[in-house]
Amino acid sequence: MINSIDLKKLPLNFLISLGVSVAINSLLYFIGNYFKFVPNQIFIGQDSTSFNLTAVILATLTGAFIGLVFLLVIRFLSPDRAYTTFNYIVLTGLMLSFFTPFSLNSASTAFICLLEMMHVTSVVSMIFIMARRSRG
């Protein structure tokens, strides 16, 4: 079926998707850092944390593994509609993730746009590489 997910294809496509996401998000980080869009510290509420390449890579890895777990759970619960259901859930998560960068205190518009591009890159990679190429 075109809407099901083939578990034999999934591991390789997950790794390809992960590599593409990490590479593009790292490139976006370097571009943002070159043009001074990326602050050294970001403030969430009253707490501050450093924003560096390690944070970008870890956030990308975390999002990709969460996407993989969602895809596996959806495939288990609804094997005939796994691809479509996964797309709806991931796109809903993308819409919700658009609000997160606006919670950063004193973040520039360029930095917020950079974070949004990173979110879109990760989601597009999950849908078009991991899920679409793994259809059965």
Protein backbone atom coordinates (compact mmCIF):
# COMPACT_ATOMS: atom_id res chain seq x y z
CA MET A 1 0.00 0.00 0.00
CA ILE A 2 1.15 3.48 -0.77
CA ASN A 3 0.03 4.80 2.63
CA SER A 4 1.83 2.23 4.76
CA ILE A 5 5.42 2.40 5.99
CA ASP A 6 7.96 -0.31 5.12
CA LEU A 7 10.11 -1.02 8.19
CA LYS A 8 12.93 -2.39 6.01
CA LYS A 9 13.37 0.97 4.25
CA LEU A 10 12.90 3.13 7.35
CA PRO A 11 16.35 2.90 9.07
CA LEU A 12 18.33 4.02 6.02
CA ASN A 13 15.85 6.76 5.17
CA PHE A 14 15.89 7.94 8.77
CA LEU A 15 19.68 8.25 8.70
CA ILE A 16 19.58 10.10 5.37
CA SER A 17 16.91 12.45 6.73
CA LEU A 18 18.92 13.02 9.89
CA GLY A 19 22.08 13.78 7.93
CA VAL A 20 20.30 16.23 5.64
CA SER A 21 18.65 18.01 8.59
CA VAL A 22 21.87 18.30 10.57
CA ALA A 23 23.84 19.50 7.54
CA ILE A 24 21.32 22.15 6.48
CA ASN A 25 20.66 23.38 10.03
CA SER A 26 24.42 23.59 10.66
CA LEU A 27 24.82 25.56 7.44
CA LEU A 28 22.01 27.89 8.50
CA TYR A 29 23.72 28.35 11.87
CA PHE A 30 27.04 29.24 10.21
CA ILE A 31 25.32 31.68 7.85
CA GLY A 32 23.46 33.29 10.75
CA ASN A 33 26.63 33.43 12.82
CA TYR A 34 28.57 35.01 9.95
CA PHE A 35 26.00 37.76 9.55
CA LYS A 36 25.76 38.21 13.35
CA PHE A 37 22.11 37.06 13.51
CA VAL A 38 22.92 34.49 16.22
CA PRO A 39 23.35 35.80 19.76
CA ASN A 40 25.81 34.15 22.14
CA GLN A 41 23.17 33.90 24.86
CA ILE A 42 19.44 33.47 24.52
CA PHE A 43 17.03 34.31 27.31
CA ILE A 44 13.96 32.22 27.98
CA GLY A 45 12.08 33.96 30.75
CA GLN A 46 14.75 34.86 33.28
CA ASP A 47 17.09 32.00 32.42
CA SER A 48 19.84 32.27 29.86
CA THR A 49 21.58 29.59 27.87
CA SER A 50 24.23 29.59 25.19
CA PHE A 51 23.21 29.08 21.60
CA ASN A 52 25.92 27.36 19.61
CA LEU A 53 26.38 24.66 16.98
CA THR A 54 26.11 21.91 19.59
CA ALA A 55 22.68 23.19 20.63
CA VAL A 56 21.56 23.23 16.99
CA ILE A 57 22.75 19.67 16.37
CA LEU A 58 21.25 18.33 19.61
CA ALA A 59 17.91 20.00 18.92
CA THR A 60 17.90 18.56 15.38
CA LEU A 61 18.75 15.08 16.67
CA THR A 62 16.05 15.28 19.34
CA GLY A 63 13.40 16.38 16.86
CA ALA A 64 14.36 13.64 14.40
CA PHE A 65 14.21 10.90 17.03
CA ILE A 66 10.84 12.16 18.26
CA GLY A 67 9.61 12.08 14.65
CA LEU A 68 10.88 8.52 14.26
CA VAL A 69 9.11 7.40 17.43
CA PHE A 70 5.88 9.06 16.26
CA LEU A 71 6.15 7.33 12.89
CA LEU A 72 6.72 3.93 14.51
CA VAL A 73 3.81 4.38 16.93
CA ILE A 74 1.51 5.55 14.14
CA ARG A 75 2.55 2.61 11.99
CA PHE A 76 1.75 0.25 14.84
CA LEU A 77 -1.65 1.82 15.59
CA SER A 78 -2.78 2.49 12.03
CA PRO A 79 -0.62 0.63 9.50
CA ASP A 80 -2.82 1.42 6.50
CA ARG A 81 -2.87 5.19 7.09
CA ALA A 82 0.55 5.70 8.68
CA TYR A 83 2.01 8.05 6.06
CA THR A 84 -0.97 10.41 5.92
CA THR A 85 -1.44 10.46 9.68
CA PHE A 86 2.27 11.12 10.23
CA ASN A 87 2.17 14.06 7.81
CA TYR A 88 -0.81 15.63 9.60
CA ILE A 89 0.85 15.27 13.01
CA VAL A 90 4.22 16.61 11.85
CA LEU A 91 2.67 19.57 10.04
CA THR A 92 0.60 20.38 13.14
CA GLY A 93 3.81 20.24 15.20
CA LEU A 94 5.45 22.58 12.70
CA MET A 95 2.63 25.09 13.04
CA LEU A 96 2.93 24.94 16.83
CA SER A 97 6.73 25.31 16.67
CA PHE A 98 6.34 28.65 14.89
CA PHE A 99 5.31 30.22 18.22
CA THR A 100 8.35 29.01 20.20
CA PRO A 101 10.98 31.49 18.90
CA PHE A 102 8.72 34.42 19.79
CA SER A 103 9.04 33.46 23.47
CA LEU A 104 12.74 34.34 23.42
CA ASN A 105 13.39 37.66 25.14
CA SER A 106 15.21 40.24 23.06
CA ALA A 107 15.60 37.97 20.02
CA SER A 108 16.10 39.81 16.76
CA THR A 109 13.78 39.28 13.83
CA ALA A 110 16.63 37.79 11.81
CA PHE A 111 17.35 35.25 14.56
CA ILE A 112 13.66 34.28 14.78
CA CYS A 113 13.55 33.80 11.00
CA LEU A 114 16.68 31.66 11.20
CA LEU A 115 15.08 29.43 13.84
CA GLU A 116 11.92 29.14 11.78
CA MET A 117 13.95 28.05 8.75
CA MET A 118 15.62 25.38 10.89
CA HIS A 119 12.20 24.09 11.98
CA VAL A 120 10.96 23.94 8.39
CA THR A 121 14.14 22.18 7.25
CA SER A 122 13.72 19.45 9.85
CA VAL A 123 10.05 18.86 9.06
CA VAL A 124 10.52 18.83 5.30
CA SER A 125 13.36 16.36 5.72
CA MET A 126 11.21 14.10 7.90
CA ILE A 127 8.26 14.14 5.51
CA PHE A 128 10.01 13.95 2.15
CA ILE A 129 12.99 11.76 3.00
CA MET A 130 12.16 9.63 6.02
CA ALA A 131 8.45 9.01 5.57
CA ARG A 132 7.89 9.36 1.84
CA ARG A 133 10.82 7.19 0.78
CA SER A 134 9.81 4.56 3.36
CA ARG A 135 6.35 4.03 1.96
CA GLY A 136 5.52 0.43 1.18
